[in-house]
N, C-alpha and C. Protein backbone atom coordinates (compact mmCIF):
# COMPACT_ATOMS: atom_id res chain seq x y z
N MET A 1 11.48 -4.68 -5.53
CA MET A 1 10.03 -4.61 -5.48
C MET A 1 9.56 -5.59 -4.40
N LYS A 2 8.62 -5.10 -3.57
CA LYS A 2 8.05 -5.96 -2.52
C LYS A 2 6.53 -5.85 -2.56
N VAL A 3 5.90 -6.96 -2.20
CA VAL A 3 4.43 -7.04 -2.21
C VAL A 3 3.95 -7.18 -0.78
N PHE A 4 2.95 -6.36 -0.43
CA PHE A 4 2.37 -6.38 0.91
C PHE A 4 0.88 -6.69 0.82
N LYS A 5 0.43 -7.61 1.64
CA LYS A 5 -1.00 -7.97 1.72
C LYS A 5 -1.66 -7.04 2.72
N CYS A 6 -2.79 -6.46 2.32
CA CYS A 6 -3.57 -5.56 3.19
C CYS A 6 -5.00 -6.09 3.24
N GLU A 7 -5.25 -7.00 4.19
CA GLU A 7 -6.55 -7.67 4.29
C GLU A 7 -7.71 -6.69 4.49
N GLU A 8 -7.44 -5.53 5.07
CA GLU A 8 -8.52 -4.56 5.35
C GLU A 8 -8.99 -3.82 4.10
N MET A 9 -8.30 -3.96 2.99
CA MET A 9 -8.67 -3.29 1.74
C MET A 9 -9.95 -3.96 1.20
N MET A 10 -11.05 -3.22 1.20
CA MET A 10 -12.34 -3.81 0.85
C MET A 10 -13.01 -3.23 -0.40
N CYS A 11 -12.63 -2.00 -0.80
CA CYS A 11 -13.37 -1.36 -1.88
C CYS A 11 -12.50 -0.33 -2.61
N GLY A 12 -13.09 0.27 -3.61
CA GLY A 12 -12.39 1.29 -4.38
C GLY A 12 -11.99 2.49 -3.56
N HIS A 13 -12.77 2.81 -2.53
CA HIS A 13 -12.42 3.94 -1.67
C HIS A 13 -11.13 3.63 -0.91
N CYS A 14 -10.96 2.41 -0.47
CA CYS A 14 -9.72 2.00 0.21
C CYS A 14 -8.54 2.18 -0.74
N VAL A 15 -8.70 1.72 -1.97
CA VAL A 15 -7.63 1.83 -2.97
C VAL A 15 -7.29 3.30 -3.20
N SER A 16 -8.32 4.13 -3.31
CA SER A 16 -8.11 5.56 -3.53
C SER A 16 -7.33 6.20 -2.38
N ARG A 17 -7.68 5.85 -1.15
CA ARG A 17 -6.97 6.40 0.03
C ARG A 17 -5.50 5.99 0.01
N ILE A 18 -5.25 4.73 -0.30
CA ILE A 18 -3.87 4.22 -0.35
C ILE A 18 -3.10 4.91 -1.47
N ASP A 19 -3.70 4.96 -2.67
CA ASP A 19 -3.03 5.58 -3.81
C ASP A 19 -2.71 7.05 -3.55
N THR A 20 -3.65 7.77 -2.99
CA THR A 20 -3.43 9.19 -2.71
C THR A 20 -2.28 9.39 -1.73
N ALA A 21 -2.29 8.63 -0.65
CA ALA A 21 -1.25 8.79 0.37
C ALA A 21 0.13 8.42 -0.16
N LEU A 22 0.22 7.32 -0.90
CA LEU A 22 1.52 6.90 -1.43
C LEU A 22 1.99 7.82 -2.55
N ASP A 23 1.06 8.33 -3.36
CA ASP A 23 1.42 9.30 -4.40
C ASP A 23 1.96 10.58 -3.78
N GLU A 24 1.31 11.05 -2.72
CA GLU A 24 1.78 12.27 -2.04
C GLU A 24 3.18 12.09 -1.47
N ALA A 25 3.50 10.87 -1.05
CA ALA A 25 4.83 10.56 -0.51
C ALA A 25 5.83 10.23 -1.63
N LYS A 26 5.35 10.29 -2.88
CA LYS A 26 6.17 9.99 -4.05
C LYS A 26 6.77 8.58 -3.99
N ILE A 27 5.93 7.63 -3.58
CA ILE A 27 6.34 6.24 -3.52
C ILE A 27 5.69 5.50 -4.71
N ALA A 28 6.54 4.98 -5.59
CA ALA A 28 6.04 4.24 -6.75
C ALA A 28 5.42 2.92 -6.28
N HIS A 29 4.19 2.68 -6.72
CA HIS A 29 3.47 1.51 -6.22
C HIS A 29 2.38 1.09 -7.20
N LYS A 30 1.82 -0.08 -6.92
CA LYS A 30 0.64 -0.56 -7.64
C LYS A 30 -0.28 -1.19 -6.61
N THR A 31 -1.55 -0.80 -6.64
CA THR A 31 -2.53 -1.32 -5.70
C THR A 31 -3.48 -2.25 -6.45
N ASP A 32 -3.75 -3.43 -5.89
CA ASP A 32 -4.62 -4.40 -6.52
C ASP A 32 -5.70 -4.83 -5.53
N LEU A 33 -6.92 -4.39 -5.78
CA LEU A 33 -8.04 -4.70 -4.88
C LEU A 33 -8.38 -6.19 -4.92
N ASP A 34 -8.31 -6.81 -6.09
CA ASP A 34 -8.67 -8.23 -6.22
C ASP A 34 -7.82 -9.13 -5.31
N THR A 35 -6.53 -8.83 -5.23
CA THR A 35 -5.64 -9.64 -4.39
C THR A 35 -5.36 -9.00 -3.04
N LYS A 36 -5.91 -7.77 -2.84
CA LYS A 36 -5.70 -7.00 -1.60
C LYS A 36 -4.21 -6.81 -1.33
N THR A 37 -3.48 -6.40 -2.40
CA THR A 37 -2.04 -6.20 -2.26
C THR A 37 -1.63 -4.81 -2.72
N VAL A 38 -0.51 -4.38 -2.15
CA VAL A 38 0.16 -3.15 -2.58
C VAL A 38 1.59 -3.55 -2.91
N THR A 39 2.00 -3.28 -4.14
CA THR A 39 3.36 -3.58 -4.57
C THR A 39 4.15 -2.28 -4.56
N ILE A 40 5.24 -2.28 -3.81
CA ILE A 40 6.12 -1.12 -3.72
C ILE A 40 7.28 -1.36 -4.68
N GLU A 41 7.47 -0.43 -5.61
CA GLU A 41 8.44 -0.63 -6.68
C GLU A 41 9.89 -0.54 -6.21
N GLU A 42 10.19 0.35 -5.27
CA GLU A 42 11.56 0.54 -4.82
C GLU A 42 11.69 0.05 -3.37
N ASP A 43 12.61 -0.89 -3.15
CA ASP A 43 12.77 -1.47 -1.82
C ASP A 43 13.07 -0.42 -0.75
N GLY A 44 13.78 0.64 -1.12
CA GLY A 44 14.13 1.68 -0.16
C GLY A 44 12.93 2.44 0.37
N SER A 45 11.79 2.34 -0.30
CA SER A 45 10.58 3.06 0.10
C SER A 45 9.66 2.21 0.97
N CYS A 46 10.00 0.96 1.17
CA CYS A 46 9.08 0.04 1.84
C CYS A 46 8.76 0.43 3.27
N ALA A 47 9.76 0.81 4.05
CA ALA A 47 9.50 1.16 5.45
C ALA A 47 8.54 2.33 5.55
N LYS A 48 8.75 3.34 4.72
CA LYS A 48 7.86 4.51 4.72
C LYS A 48 6.46 4.12 4.26
N ALA A 49 6.38 3.27 3.24
CA ALA A 49 5.07 2.82 2.74
C ALA A 49 4.30 2.06 3.80
N VAL A 50 4.98 1.17 4.52
CA VAL A 50 4.33 0.41 5.59
C VAL A 50 3.83 1.35 6.68
N GLU A 51 4.62 2.36 7.00
CA GLU A 51 4.21 3.36 8.00
C GLU A 51 2.96 4.11 7.54
N ILE A 52 2.93 4.49 6.28
CA ILE A 52 1.77 5.21 5.74
C ILE A 52 0.54 4.30 5.76
N LEU A 53 0.69 3.06 5.33
CA LEU A 53 -0.43 2.12 5.33
C LEU A 53 -0.96 1.92 6.75
N ASP A 54 -0.05 1.79 7.70
CA ASP A 54 -0.45 1.63 9.10
C ASP A 54 -1.23 2.85 9.59
N ASP A 55 -0.75 4.05 9.24
CA ASP A 55 -1.45 5.28 9.63
C ASP A 55 -2.86 5.34 9.05
N LEU A 56 -3.04 4.73 7.87
CA LEU A 56 -4.35 4.68 7.22
C LEU A 56 -5.25 3.58 7.79
N GLY A 57 -4.68 2.70 8.60
CA GLY A 57 -5.47 1.62 9.20
C GLY A 57 -5.38 0.29 8.46
N PHE A 58 -4.38 0.16 7.60
CA PHE A 58 -4.17 -1.08 6.86
C PHE A 58 -2.93 -1.78 7.39
N SER A 59 -3.08 -3.05 7.78
CA SER A 59 -1.91 -3.82 8.20
C SER A 59 -1.25 -4.35 6.93
N ALA A 60 0.04 -4.05 6.77
CA ALA A 60 0.78 -4.47 5.58
C ALA A 60 1.69 -5.64 5.95
N VAL A 61 1.34 -6.82 5.42
CA VAL A 61 2.11 -8.03 5.70
C VAL A 61 2.88 -8.39 4.44
N GLU A 62 4.20 -8.43 4.56
CA GLU A 62 5.03 -8.73 3.39
C GLU A 62 4.77 -10.14 2.90
N GLN A 63 4.63 -10.29 1.59
CA GLN A 63 4.36 -11.59 0.95
C GLN A 63 5.65 -12.28 0.62
């Protein structure tokens, strides 16, 4: 499991966009607006998750 900080995450709409994209890619995750983090459950999915976040306009910085 890895945690990524996404400073650009500002509201529920941002969370929804992230959740939808990662769900469609079948990447197990948890999004937390309060801490502006996305936790990826399986390490093997991290590279793809970071790519998806980048495509959405969120910079994912590993914690």
